């Protein structure tokens, strides 16, 4: 079953901040590469009408970021273009 989500991202230099709106009580499971696209997997209740926003930080390896990374829970790292691009999702 597919579930429609709302995603708002703002890119600042070498990192991106995203607000992901999911049903209340959702659990983000992982972030993976699939067919050269980044896919976020989450356990959701599609019948839940109340939404909550999950704040996600995306940044590349060796790039400086201007936020406190300890404020975010690590989700996963994704390798694209045969591993030449590495992005971390917190």
PDB file of N, CA and C in Angstrom:
ATOM      1  N   UNK A   1       0.840  -1.163   0.000  1.00  0.00           N
ATOM      2  CA  UNK A   1       0.000   0.000   0.000  1.00  0.00           C
ATOM      3  C   UNK A   1       0.895   1.239   0.000  1.00  0.00           C
ATOM      4  N   UNK A   2       0.567   2.194  -0.810  1.00  0.00           N
ATOM      5  CA  UNK A   2       1.282   3.458  -0.839  1.00  0.00           C
ATOM      6  C   UNK A   2       0.564   4.463   0.054  1.00  0.00           C
ATOM      7  N   UNK A   3       1.341   5.345   0.630  1.00  0.00           N
ATOM      8  CA  UNK A   3       0.783   6.360   1.512  1.00  0.00           C
ATOM      9  C   UNK A   3       1.321   7.713   1.076  1.00  0.00           C
ATOM     10  N   UNK A   4       0.460   8.664   0.879  1.00  0.00           N
ATOM     11  CA  UNK A   4       0.861   9.994   0.436  1.00  0.00           C
ATOM     12  C   UNK A   4       1.405  10.798   1.614  1.00  0.00           C
ATOM     13  N   UNK A   5       2.555  11.441   1.411  1.00  0.00           N
ATOM     14  CA  UNK A   5       3.152  12.242   2.466  1.00  0.00           C
ATOM     15  C   UNK A   5       3.397  13.656   1.969  1.00  0.00           C
ATOM     16  N   UNK A   6       3.592  14.541   2.910  1.00  0.00           N
ATOM     17  CA  UNK A   6       3.946  15.917   2.601  1.00  0.00           C
ATOM     18  C   UNK A   6       5.391  16.123   3.023  1.00  0.00           C
ATOM     19  N   UNK A   7       6.223  16.642   2.116  1.00  0.00           N
ATOM     20  CA  UNK A   7       7.639  16.832   2.396  1.00  0.00           C
ATOM     21  C   UNK A   7       8.053  18.220   1.952  1.00  0.00           C
ATOM     22  N   UNK A   8       8.601  18.986   2.873  1.00  0.00           N
ATOM     23  CA  UNK A   8       9.093  20.321   2.570  1.00  0.00           C
ATOM     24  C   UNK A   8      10.571  20.358   2.905  1.00  0.00           C
ATOM     25  N   UNK A   9      11.425  20.655   1.912  1.00  0.00           N
ATOM     26  CA  UNK A   9      12.869  20.685   2.120  1.00  0.00           C
ATOM     27  C   UNK A   9      13.424  22.061   1.813  1.00  0.00           C
ATOM     28  N   UNK A  10      14.405  22.462   2.607  1.00  0.00           N
ATOM     29  CA  UNK A  10      15.109  23.720   2.405  1.00  0.00           C
ATOM     30  C   UNK A  10      16.591  23.408   2.363  1.00  0.00           C
ATOM     31  N   UNK A  11      17.264  23.733   1.248  1.00  0.00           N
ATOM     32  CA  UNK A  11      18.696  23.475   1.118  1.00  0.00           C
ATOM     33  C   UNK A  11      19.494  24.702   1.527  1.00  0.00           C
ATOM     34  N   UNK A  12      20.476  24.477   2.393  1.00  0.00           N
ATOM     35  CA  UNK A  12      21.356  25.536   2.862  1.00  0.00           C
ATOM     36  C   UNK A  12      22.799  25.052   2.730  1.00  0.00           C
ATOM     37  N   UNK A  13      23.508  25.564   1.754  1.00  0.00           N
ATOM     38  CA  UNK A  13      24.902  25.201   1.502  1.00  0.00           C
ATOM     39  C   UNK A  13      25.013  23.705   1.245  1.00  0.00           C
ATOM     40  N   UNK A  14      25.685  22.961   2.134  1.00  0.00           N
ATOM     41  CA  UNK A  14      25.930  21.542   1.885  1.00  0.00           C
ATOM     42  C   UNK A  14      25.033  20.623   2.697  1.00  0.00           C
ATOM     43  N   UNK A  15      23.973  21.160   3.252  1.00  0.00           N
ATOM     44  CA  UNK A  15      23.037  20.323   3.990  1.00  0.00           C
ATOM     45  C   UNK A  15      21.616  20.765   3.676  1.00  0.00           C
ATOM     46  N   UNK A  16      20.689  19.859   3.908  1.00  0.00           N
ATOM     47  CA  UNK A  16      19.282  20.107   3.620  1.00  0.00           C
ATOM     48  C   UNK A  16      18.457  19.754   4.844  1.00  0.00           C
ATOM     49  N   UNK A  17      17.499  20.610   5.149  1.00  0.00           N
ATOM     50  CA  UNK A  17      16.573  20.373   6.241  1.00  0.00           C
ATOM     51  C   UNK A  17      15.215  20.047   5.630  1.00  0.00           C
ATOM     52  N   UNK A  18      14.614  18.948   6.069  1.00  0.00           N
ATOM     53  CA  UNK A  18      13.307  18.547   5.550  1.00  0.00           C
ATOM     54  C   UNK A  18      12.311  18.370   6.690  1.00  0.00           C
ATOM     55  N   UNK A  19      11.109  18.820   6.469  1.00  0.00           N
ATOM     56  CA  UNK A  19      10.002  18.557   7.374  1.00  0.00           C
ATOM     57  C   UNK A  19       9.096  17.526   6.713  1.00  0.00           C
ATOM     58  N   UNK A  20       8.987  16.371   7.316  1.00  0.00           N
ATOM     59  CA  UNK A  20       8.218  15.261   6.760  1.00  0.00           C
ATOM     60  C   UNK A  20       6.971  15.068   7.604  1.00  0.00           C
ATOM     61  N   UNK A  21       5.801  15.179   6.987  1.00  0.00           N
ATOM     62  CA  UNK A  21       4.539  15.050   7.706  1.00  0.00           C
ATOM     63  C   UNK A  21       4.013  13.627   7.562  1.00  0.00           C
ATOM     64  N   UNK A  22       3.874  12.940   8.710  1.00  0.00           N
ATOM     65  CA  UNK A  22       3.391  11.559   8.744  1.00  0.00           C
ATOM     66  C   UNK A  22       2.277  11.433   9.782  1.00  0.00           C
ATOM     67  N   UNK A  23       1.484  10.357   9.696  1.00  0.00           N
ATOM     68  CA  UNK A  23       0.448  10.139  10.707  1.00  0.00           C
ATOM     69  C   UNK A  23       1.059  10.010  12.105  1.00  0.00           C
ATOM     70  N   UNK A  24       0.334  10.480  13.105  1.00  0.00           N
ATOM     71  CA  UNK A  24       0.767  10.403  14.497  1.00  0.00           C
ATOM     72  C   UNK A  24       1.153   8.968  14.847  1.00  0.00           C
ATOM     73  N   UNK A  25       2.289   8.804  15.524  1.00  0.00           N
ATOM     74  CA  UNK A  25       2.736   7.484  15.955  1.00  0.00           C
ATOM     75  C   UNK A  25       3.532   6.716  14.919  1.00  0.00           C
ATOM     76  N   UNK A  26       3.842   7.325  13.793  1.00  0.00           N
ATOM     77  CA  UNK A  26       4.624   6.639  12.753  1.00  0.00           C
ATOM     78  C   UNK A  26       6.034   6.362  13.242  1.00  0.00           C
ATOM     79  N   UNK A  27       6.660   5.359  12.640  1.00  0.00           N
ATOM     80  CA  UNK A  27       8.034   5.010  12.988  1.00  0.00           C
ATOM     81  C   UNK A  27       8.853   4.948  11.702  1.00  0.00           C
ATOM     82  N   UNK A  28       9.859   5.809  11.593  1.00  0.00           N
ATOM     83  CA  UNK A  28      10.757   5.761  10.438  1.00  0.00           C
ATOM     84  C   UNK A  28      11.671   4.561  10.617  1.00  0.00           C
ATOM     85  N   UNK A  29      11.711   3.694   9.598  1.00  0.00           N
ATOM     86  CA  UNK A  29      12.476   2.458   9.681  1.00  0.00           C
ATOM     87  C   UNK A  29      13.872   2.593   9.087  1.00  0.00           C
ATOM     88  N   UNK A  30      13.972   3.187   7.905  1.00  0.00           N
ATOM     89  CA  UNK A  30      15.275   3.313   7.245  1.00  0.00           C
ATOM     90  C   UNK A  30      15.165   4.240   6.046  1.00  0.00           C
ATOM     91  N   UNK A  31      16.317   4.585   5.522  1.00  0.00           N
ATOM     92  CA  UNK A  31      16.417   5.363   4.288  1.00  0.00           C
ATOM     93  C   UNK A  31      17.362   4.585   3.392  1.00  0.00           C
ATOM     94  N   UNK A  32      16.948   4.269   2.173  1.00  0.00           N
ATOM     95  CA  UNK A  32      17.735   3.416   1.273  1.00  0.00           C
ATOM     96  C   UNK A  32      17.752   3.985  -0.140  1.00  0.00           C
ATOM     97  N   UNK A  33      18.632   3.428  -0.952  1.00  0.00           N
ATOM     98  CA  UNK A  33      18.684   3.742  -2.386  1.00  0.00           C
ATOM     99  C   UNK A  33      17.914   2.656  -3.121  1.00  0.00           C
ATOM    100  N   UNK A  34      17.035   3.070  -4.019  1.00  0.00           N
ATOM    101  CA  UNK A  34      16.289   2.128  -4.840  1.00  0.00           C
ATOM    102  C   UNK A  34      16.174   2.718  -6.237  1.00  0.00           C
ATOM    103  N   UNK A  35      16.770   2.040  -7.214  1.00  0.00           N
ATOM    104  CA  UNK A  35      16.764   2.512  -8.606  1.00  0.00           C
ATOM    105  C   UNK A  35      17.309   3.942  -8.728  1.00  0.00           C
ATOM    106  N   UNK A  36      18.398   4.196  -7.995  1.00  0.00           N
ATOM    107  CA  UNK A  36      19.094   5.488  -7.994  1.00  0.00           C
ATOM    108  C   UNK A  36      18.245   6.631  -7.438  1.00  0.00           C
ATOM    109  N   UNK A  37      17.255   6.312  -6.625  1.00  0.00           N
ATOM    110  CA  UNK A  37      16.430   7.290  -5.924  1.00  0.00           C
ATOM    111  C   UNK A  37      16.528   7.014  -4.432  1.00  0.00           C
ATOM    112  N   UNK A  38      16.400   8.041  -3.624  1.00  0.00           N
ATOM    113  CA  UNK A  38      16.390   7.870  -2.177  1.00  0.00           C
ATOM    114  C   UNK A  38      14.957   7.608  -1.730  1.00  0.00           C
ATOM    115  N   UNK A  39      14.781   6.549  -0.937  1.00  0.00           N
ATOM    116  CA  UNK A  39      13.459   6.143  -0.475  1.00  0.00           C
ATOM    117  C   UNK A  39      13.486   6.049   1.048  1.00  0.00           C
ATOM    118  N   UNK A  40      12.498   6.635   1.695  1.00  0.00           N
ATOM    119  CA  UNK A  40      12.355   6.540   3.144  1.00  0.00           C
ATOM    120  C   UNK A  40      11.246   5.541   3.445  1.00  0.00           C
ATOM    121  N   UNK A  41      11.552   4.574   4.301  1.00  0.00           N
ATOM    122  CA  UNK A  41      10.570   3.573   4.699  1.00  0.00           C
ATOM    123  C   UNK A  41      10.088   3.877   6.106  1.00  0.00           C
ATOM    124  N   UNK A  42       8.783   3.841   6.288  1.00  0.00           N
ATOM    125  CA  UNK A  42       8.207   4.123   7.598  1.00  0.00           C
ATOM    126  C   UNK A  42       7.014   3.217   7.845  1.00  0.00           C
ATOM    127  N   UNK A  43       6.828   2.883   9.094  1.00  0.00           N
ATOM    128  CA  UNK A  43       5.651   2.134   9.527  1.00  0.00           C
ATOM    129  C   UNK A  43       4.607   3.174   9.922  1.00  0.00           C
ATOM    130  N   UNK A  44       3.479   3.192   9.208  1.00  0.00           N
ATOM    131  CA  UNK A  44       2.457   4.210   9.441  1.00  0.00           C
ATOM    132  C   UNK A  44       1.080   3.562   9.562  1.00  0.00           C
ATOM    133  N   UNK A  45       0.190   4.282  10.211  1.00  0.00           N
ATOM    134  CA  UNK A  45      -1.217   3.889  10.254  1.00  0.00           C
ATOM    135  C   UNK A  45      -1.941   4.823   9.283  1.00  0.00           C
ATOM    136  N   UNK A  46      -2.291   4.357   8.083  1.00  0.00           N
ATOM    137  CA  UNK A  46      -2.907   5.236   7.088  1.00  0.00           C
ATOM    138  C   UNK A  46      -4.285   5.746   7.497  1.00  0.00           C
ATOM    139  N   UNK A  47      -4.890   5.134   8.516  1.00  0.00           N
ATOM    140  CA  UNK A  47      -6.203   5.579   8.978  1.00  0.00           C
ATOM    141  C   UNK A  47      -6.114   6.696  10.020  1.00  0.00           C
ATOM    142  N   UNK A  48      -4.908   6.954  10.527  1.00  0.00           N
ATOM    143  CA  UNK A  48      -4.718   8.015  11.532  1.00  0.00           C
ATOM    144  C   UNK A  48      -4.832   9.372  10.839  1.00  0.00           C
ATOM    145  N   UNK A  49      -5.755  10.192  11.325  1.00  0.00           N
ATOM    146  CA  UNK A  49      -5.977  11.501  10.700  1.00  0.00           C
ATOM    147  C   UNK A  49      -5.046  12.585  11.228  1.00  0.00           C
ATOM    148  N   UNK A  50      -4.576  12.437  12.469  1.00  0.00           N
ATOM    149  CA  UNK A  50      -3.674  13.448  13.044  1.00  0.00           C
ATOM    150  C   UNK A  50      -2.278  13.251  12.467  1.00  0.00           C
ATOM    151  N   UNK A  51      -1.665  14.359  12.064  1.00  0.00           N
ATOM    152  CA  UNK A  51      -0.325  14.322  11.475  1.00  0.00           C
ATOM    153  C   UNK A  51       0.674  14.969  12.424  1.00  0.00           C
ATOM    154  N   UNK A  52       1.928  14.516  12.334  1.00  0.00           N
ATOM    155  CA  UNK A  52       3.009  15.157  13.060  1.00  0.00           C
ATOM    156  C   UNK A  52       4.192  15.328  12.105  1.00  0.00           C
ATOM    157  N   UNK A  53       5.002  16.330  12.383  1.00  0.00           N
ATOM    158  CA  UNK A  53       6.132  16.633  11.511  1.00  0.00           C
ATOM    159  C   UNK A  53       7.412  16.039  12.065  1.00  0.00           C
ATOM    160  N   UNK A  54       8.131  15.326  11.220  1.00  0.00           N
ATOM    161  CA  UNK A  54       9.433  14.770  11.547  1.00  0.00           C
ATOM    162  C   UNK A  54      10.473  15.640  10.853  1.00  0.00           C
ATOM    163  N   UNK A  55      11.418  16.158  11.617  1.00  0.00           N
ATOM    164  CA  UNK A  55      12.466  17.008  11.063  1.00  0.00           C
ATOM    165  C   UNK A  55      13.671  16.143  10.699  1.00  0.00           C
ATOM    166  N   UNK A  56      14.068  16.204   9.441  1.00  0.00           N
ATOM    167  CA  UNK A  56      15.155  15.369   8.939  1.00  0.00           C
ATOM    168  C   UNK A  56      16.258  16.260   8.387  1.00  0.00           C
ATOM    169  N   UNK A  57      17.487  15.931   8.767  1.00  0.00           N
ATOM    170  CA  UNK A  57      18.661  16.638   8.289  1.00  0.00           C
ATOM    171  C   UNK A  57      19.392  15.735   7.311  1.00  0.00           C
ATOM    172  N   UNK A  58      19.729  16.266   6.129  1.00  0.00           N
ATOM    173  CA  UNK A  58      20.441  15.505   5.099  1.00  0.00           C
ATOM    174  C   UNK A  58      21.733  16.251   4.780  1.00  0.00           C
ATOM    175  N   UNK A  59      22.853  15.513   4.787  1.00  0.00           N
ATOM    176  CA  UNK A  59      24.140  16.145   4.482  1.00  0.00           C
ATOM    177  C   UNK A  59      25.089  15.114   3.874  1.00  0.00           C
ATOM    178  N   UNK A  60      26.037  15.608   3.120  1.00  0.00           N
ATOM    179  CA  UNK A  60      27.015  14.746   2.467  1.00  0.00           C
ATOM    180  C   UNK A  60      28.254  14.550   3.318  1.00  0.00           C
ATOM    181  N   UNK A  61      28.955  13.452   3.067  1.00  0.00           N
ATOM    182  CA  UNK A  61      30.214  13.186   3.752  1.00  0.00           C
ATOM    183  C   UNK A  61      31.215  14.280   3.415  1.00  0.00           C
ATOM    184  N   UNK A  62      32.033  14.640   4.384  1.00  0.00           N
ATOM    185  CA  UNK A  62      33.101  15.658   4.328  1.00  0.00           C
ATOM    186  C   UNK A  62      32.586  17.087   4.193  1.00  0.00           C
ATOM    187  N   UNK A  63      31.284  17.300   4.288  1.00  0.00           N
ATOM    188  CA  UNK A  63      30.750  18.658   4.222  1.00  0.00           C
ATOM    189  C   UNK A  63      30.493  19.188   5.621  1.00  0.00           C
ATOM    190  N   UNK A  64      30.840  20.438   5.842  1.00  0.00           N
ATOM    191  CA  UNK A  64      30.542  21.092   7.111  1.00  0.00           C
ATOM    192  C   UNK A  64      29.056  21.411   7.175  1.00  0.00           C
ATOM    193  N   UNK A  65      28.478  21.248   8.356  1.00  0.00           N
ATOM    194  CA  UNK A  65      27.079  21.610   8.552  1.00  0.00           C
ATOM    195  C   UNK A  65      27.009  22.585   9.707  1.00  0.00           C
ATOM    196  N   UNK A  66      26.060  23.470   9.649  1.00  0.00           N
ATOM    197  CA  UNK A  66      25.956  24.556  10.620  1.00  0.00           C
ATOM    198  C   UNK A  66      24.881  24.307  11.679  1.00  0.00           C
ATOM    199  N   UNK A  67      24.572  23.063  11.951  1.00  0.00           N
ATOM    200  CA  UNK A  67      23.577  22.731  12.971  1.00  0.00           C
ATOM    201  C   UNK A  67      24.173  21.721  13.946  1.00  0.00           C
ATOM    202  N   UNK A  68      23.569  21.607  15.099  1.00  0.00           N
ATOM    203  CA  UNK A  68      24.018  20.647  16.099  1.00  0.00           C
ATOM    204  C   UNK A  68      23.449  19.269  15.745  1.00  0.00           C
ATOM    205  N   UNK A  69      24.293  18.415  15.228  1.00  0.00           N
ATOM    206  CA  UNK A  69      23.850  17.101  14.750  1.00  0.00           C
ATOM    207  C   UNK A  69      23.303  16.237  15.885  1.00  0.00           C
ATOM    208  N   UNK A  70      23.714  16.503  17.123  1.00  0.00           N
ATOM    209  CA  UNK A  70      23.227  15.699  18.252  1.00  0.00           C
ATOM    210  C   UNK A  70      21.751  15.957  18.559  1.00  0.00           C
ATOM    211  N   UNK A  71      21.176  16.987  17.940  1.00  0.00           N
ATOM    212  CA  UNK A  71      19.742  17.244  18.101  1.00  0.00           C
ATOM    213  C   UNK A  71      18.887  16.315  17.242  1.00  0.00           C
ATOM    214  N   UNK A  72      19.526  15.502  16.402  1.00  0.00           N
ATOM    215  CA  UNK A  72      18.828  14.628  15.464  1.00  0.00           C
ATOM    216  C   UNK A  72      19.234  13.174  15.695  1.00  0.00           C
ATOM    217  N   UNK A  73      18.289  12.267  15.517  1.00  0.00           N
ATOM    218  CA  UNK A  73      18.578  10.838  15.612  1.00  0.00           C
ATOM    219  C   UNK A  73      19.058  10.338  14.254  1.00  0.00           C
ATOM    220  N   UNK A  74      20.166   9.582  14.235  1.00  0.00           N
ATOM    221  CA  UNK A  74      20.683   9.044  12.979  1.00  0.00           C
ATOM    222  C   UNK A  74      19.696   8.035  12.405  1.00  0.00           C
ATOM    223  N   UNK A  75      19.359   8.179  11.110  1.00  0.00           N
ATOM    224  CA  UNK A  75      18.439   7.260  10.443  1.00  0.00           C
ATOM    225  C   UNK A  75      19.178   6.278   9.562  1.00  0.00           C
ATOM    226  N   UNK A  76      20.046   6.788   8.673  1.00  0.00           N
ATOM    227  CA  UNK A  76      20.738   5.909   7.731  1.00  0.00           C
ATOM    228  C   UNK A  76      21.687   6.728   6.871  1.00  0.00           C
ATOM    229  N   UNK A  77      22.559   6.045   6.153  1.00  0.00           N
ATOM    230  CA  UNK A  77      23.405   6.652   5.125  1.00  0.00           C
ATOM    231  C   UNK A  77      23.039   6.008   3.797  1.00  0.00           C
ATOM    232  N   UNK A  78      23.068   6.800   2.734  1.00  0.00           N
ATOM    233  CA  UNK A  78      22.690   6.308   1.410  1.00  0.00           C
ATOM    234  C   UNK A  78      23.822   6.608   0.441  1.00  0.00           C
ATOM    235  N   UNK A  79      24.216   5.589  -0.336  1.00  0.00           N
ATOM    236  CA  UNK A  79      25.243   5.740  -1.355  1.00  0.00           C
ATOM    237  C   UNK A  79      24.579   5.815  -2.719  1.00  0.00           C
ATOM    238  N   UNK A  80      24.928   6.845  -3.490  1.00  0.00           N
ATOM    239  CA  UNK A  80      24.411   7.024  -4.845  1.00  0.00           C
ATOM    240  C   UNK A  80      25.574   7.054  -5.825  1.00  0.00           C
ATOM    241  N   UNK A  81      25.273   6.872  -7.089  1.00  0.00           N
ATOM    242  CA  UNK A  81      26.259   6.897  -8.175  1.00  0.00           C
ATOM    243  C   UNK A  81      27.451   6.001  -7.851  1.00  0.00           C
ATOM    244  N   UNK A  82      27.146   4.740  -7.600  1.00  0.00           N
ATOM    245  CA  UNK A  82      28.146   3.703  -7.301  1.00  0.00           C
ATOM    246  C   UNK A  82      29.019   4.060  -6.104  1.00  0.00           C
ATOM    247  N   UNK A  83      28.458   4.772  -5.159  1.00  0.00           N
ATOM    248  CA  UNK A  83      29.177   5.102  -3.939  1.00  0.00           C
ATOM    249  C   UNK A  83      29.982   6.392  -3.990  1.00  0.00           C
ATOM    250  N   UNK A  84      29.944   7.091  -5.112  1.00  0.00           N
ATOM    251  CA  UNK A  84      30.713   8.336  -5.201  1.00  0.00           C
ATOM    252  C   UNK A  84      30.030   9.487  -4.466  1.00  0.00           C
ATOM    253  N   UNK A  85      28.748   9.359  -4.184  1.00  0.00           N
ATOM    254  CA  UNK A  85      28.019  10.325  -3.369  1.00  0.00           C
ATOM    255  C   UNK A  85      27.467   9.612  -2.149  1.00  0.00           C
ATOM    256  N   UNK A  86      27.763  10.145  -0.967  1.00  0.00           N
ATOM    257  CA  UNK A  86      27.269   9.552   0.268  1.00  0.00           C
ATOM    258  C   UNK A  86      26.499  10.615   1.029  1.00  0.00           C
ATOM    259  N   UNK A  87      25.238  10.323   1.326  1.00  0.00           N
ATOM    260  CA  UNK A  87      24.389  11.247   2.075  1.00  0.00           C
ATOM    261  C   UNK A  87      23.973  10.584   3.385  1.00  0.00           C
ATOM    262  N   UNK A  88      23.953  11.371   4.450  1.00  0.00           N
ATOM    263  CA  UNK A  88      23.567  10.897   5.764  1.00  0.00           C
ATOM    264  C   UNK A  88      22.249  11.535   6.151  1.00  0.00           C
ATOM    265  N   UNK A  89      21.383  10.738   6.726  1.00  0.00           N
ATOM    266  CA  UNK A  89      20.047  11.195   7.111  1.00  0.00           C
ATOM    267  C   UNK A  89      19.904  11.090   8.621  1.00  0.00           C
ATOM    268  N   UNK A  90      19.661  12.228   9.260  1.00  0.00           N
ATOM    269  CA  UNK A  90      19.461  12.291  10.698  1.00  0.00           C
ATOM    270  C   UNK A  90      18.100  12.899  10.960  1.00  0.00           C
TER     271      UNK A  90
END
